[in-house]
Amino acid sequence: MTNTENAAAPAAERTTLEGRIYDSLVAFNKEAHWPELRLAQVRQHLAEHLTNDLLAYYRSDILDKAIDAARGEYLTDDTGTAEDEAYNQAVSDVVAAIGALLEDGK
């Protein structure tokens, strides 16, 4: 494998992982009943949904990248609403859940 091919491999994995996280968030938004869910339920459901969806990638190198990718999901234009705060807390829960998977795998 050439140096160019080696450099392209991590970028391809990151793109695949980011796509997987995005697809998982889209699926979550389709099935979530926002007005009916309590904020804690939203956090728990999103964390469980993403964690379960990422189990197929249960390798430490991928989980490290998953944590970085999940951190990229924090809202940067946070309006301070309860929904935005719950979403950002859910992202934190996802990071913690993936971190726990990483620790369990060691």
Protein backbone atom coordinates (compact mmCIF):
# COMPACT_ATOMS: atom_id res chain seq x y z
CA MET A 1 0.00 0.00 0.00
CA THR A 2 1.38 3.43 -0.90
CA ASN A 3 1.59 6.40 1.46
CA THR A 4 -1.27 8.01 -0.44
CA GLU A 5 -3.41 4.91 0.03
CA ASN A 6 -2.53 4.79 3.74
CA ALA A 7 -3.53 8.43 4.18
CA ALA A 8 -6.80 7.89 2.32
CA ALA A 9 -7.86 4.92 4.46
CA PRO A 10 -8.45 6.90 7.72
CA ALA A 11 -10.30 9.60 5.79
CA ALA A 12 -12.56 6.98 4.22
CA GLU A 13 -13.24 5.39 7.62
CA ARG A 14 -14.04 8.79 9.11
CA THR A 15 -16.42 9.58 6.26
CA THR A 16 -18.14 6.22 6.72
CA LEU A 17 -18.41 6.71 10.48
CA GLU A 18 -19.69 10.27 10.18
CA GLY A 19 -22.23 9.07 7.64
CA ARG A 20 -23.30 6.29 10.02
CA ILE A 21 -23.75 8.75 12.90
CA TYR A 22 -25.68 11.14 10.66
CA ASP A 23 -27.95 8.33 9.40
CA SER A 24 -28.54 7.23 12.98
CA LEU A 25 -29.50 10.78 14.01
CA VAL A 26 -31.88 11.06 11.04
CA ALA A 27 -33.51 7.77 12.03
CA PHE A 28 -33.80 8.97 15.61
CA ASN A 29 -35.48 12.20 14.51
CA LYS A 30 -37.98 10.27 12.40
CA GLU A 31 -39.06 8.05 15.28
CA ALA A 32 -38.84 10.50 18.18
CA HIS A 33 -42.08 12.09 19.31
CA TRP A 34 -40.55 15.33 20.55
CA PRO A 35 -43.60 16.89 22.19
CA GLU A 36 -44.38 13.69 24.04
CA LEU A 37 -40.93 12.78 25.27
CA ARG A 38 -39.55 14.14 28.48
CA LEU A 39 -36.08 15.57 28.14
CA ALA A 40 -34.49 12.74 30.11
CA GLN A 41 -36.20 10.22 27.85
CA VAL A 42 -34.86 11.99 24.77
CA ARG A 43 -31.33 11.84 26.19
CA GLN A 44 -31.59 8.18 27.09
CA HIS A 45 -33.25 7.16 23.84
CA LEU A 46 -30.71 8.98 21.67
CA ALA A 47 -27.75 7.61 23.63
CA GLU A 48 -29.10 4.05 23.40
CA HIS A 49 -30.00 4.43 19.73
CA LEU A 50 -26.56 5.67 18.69
CA THR A 51 -24.70 3.26 20.92
CA ASN A 52 -26.61 0.27 19.56
CA ASP A 53 -26.16 1.50 16.01
CA LEU A 54 -22.40 1.79 16.52
CA LEU A 55 -21.91 -1.67 18.03
CA ALA A 56 -21.07 -2.95 14.56
CA TYR A 57 -17.98 -0.75 14.75
CA TYR A 58 -16.79 -2.23 18.05
CA ARG A 59 -13.08 -1.76 17.53
CA SER A 60 -11.02 0.58 19.69
CA ASP A 61 -9.60 2.55 16.77
CA ILE A 62 -13.10 3.10 15.39
CA LEU A 63 -14.54 3.91 18.83
CA ASP A 64 -11.92 6.62 19.33
CA LYS A 65 -13.01 8.11 16.01
CA ALA A 66 -16.67 7.67 16.97
CA ILE A 67 -16.10 9.75 20.10
CA ASP A 68 -14.51 12.51 18.01
CA ALA A 69 -17.34 12.35 15.46
CA ALA A 70 -20.01 12.40 18.17
CA ARG A 71 -18.36 15.44 19.76
CA GLY A 72 -18.77 17.15 16.39
CA GLU A 73 -22.55 16.87 16.84
CA TYR A 74 -22.72 19.43 19.66
CA LEU A 75 -24.91 22.36 18.69
CA THR A 76 -22.73 25.40 18.12
CA ASP A 77 -25.66 27.76 17.69
CA ASP A 78 -27.29 26.64 20.94
CA THR A 79 -30.31 28.84 21.62
CA GLY A 80 -30.49 27.92 25.29
CA THR A 81 -33.87 26.24 24.84
CA ALA A 82 -34.63 23.12 26.83
CA GLU A 83 -34.60 21.11 23.59
CA ASP A 84 -31.13 22.35 22.60
CA GLU A 85 -29.79 21.74 26.08
CA ALA A 86 -31.26 18.22 26.05
CA TYR A 87 -29.75 17.55 22.62
CA ASN A 88 -26.28 18.66 23.73
CA GLN A 89 -26.63 16.59 26.90
CA ALA A 90 -27.64 13.61 24.74
CA VAL A 91 -24.46 14.09 22.71
CA SER A 92 -22.52 14.05 25.99
CA ASP A 93 -24.34 10.86 26.97
CA VAL A 94 -23.41 9.31 23.62
CA VAL A 95 -19.75 10.24 24.11
CA ALA A 96 -19.85 8.68 27.58
CA ALA A 97 -21.59 5.54 26.30
CA ILE A 98 -19.06 5.08 23.49
CA GLY A 99 -16.27 5.69 26.00
CA ALA A 100 -17.72 2.94 28.20
CA LEU A 101 -17.73 0.57 25.22
CA LEU A 102 -14.11 1.49 24.60
CA GLU A 103 -13.19 0.75 28.23
CA ASP A 104 -15.11 -2.57 28.16
CA GLY A 105 -13.24 -3.62 25.05
CA LYS A 106 -9.79 -3.17 26.61
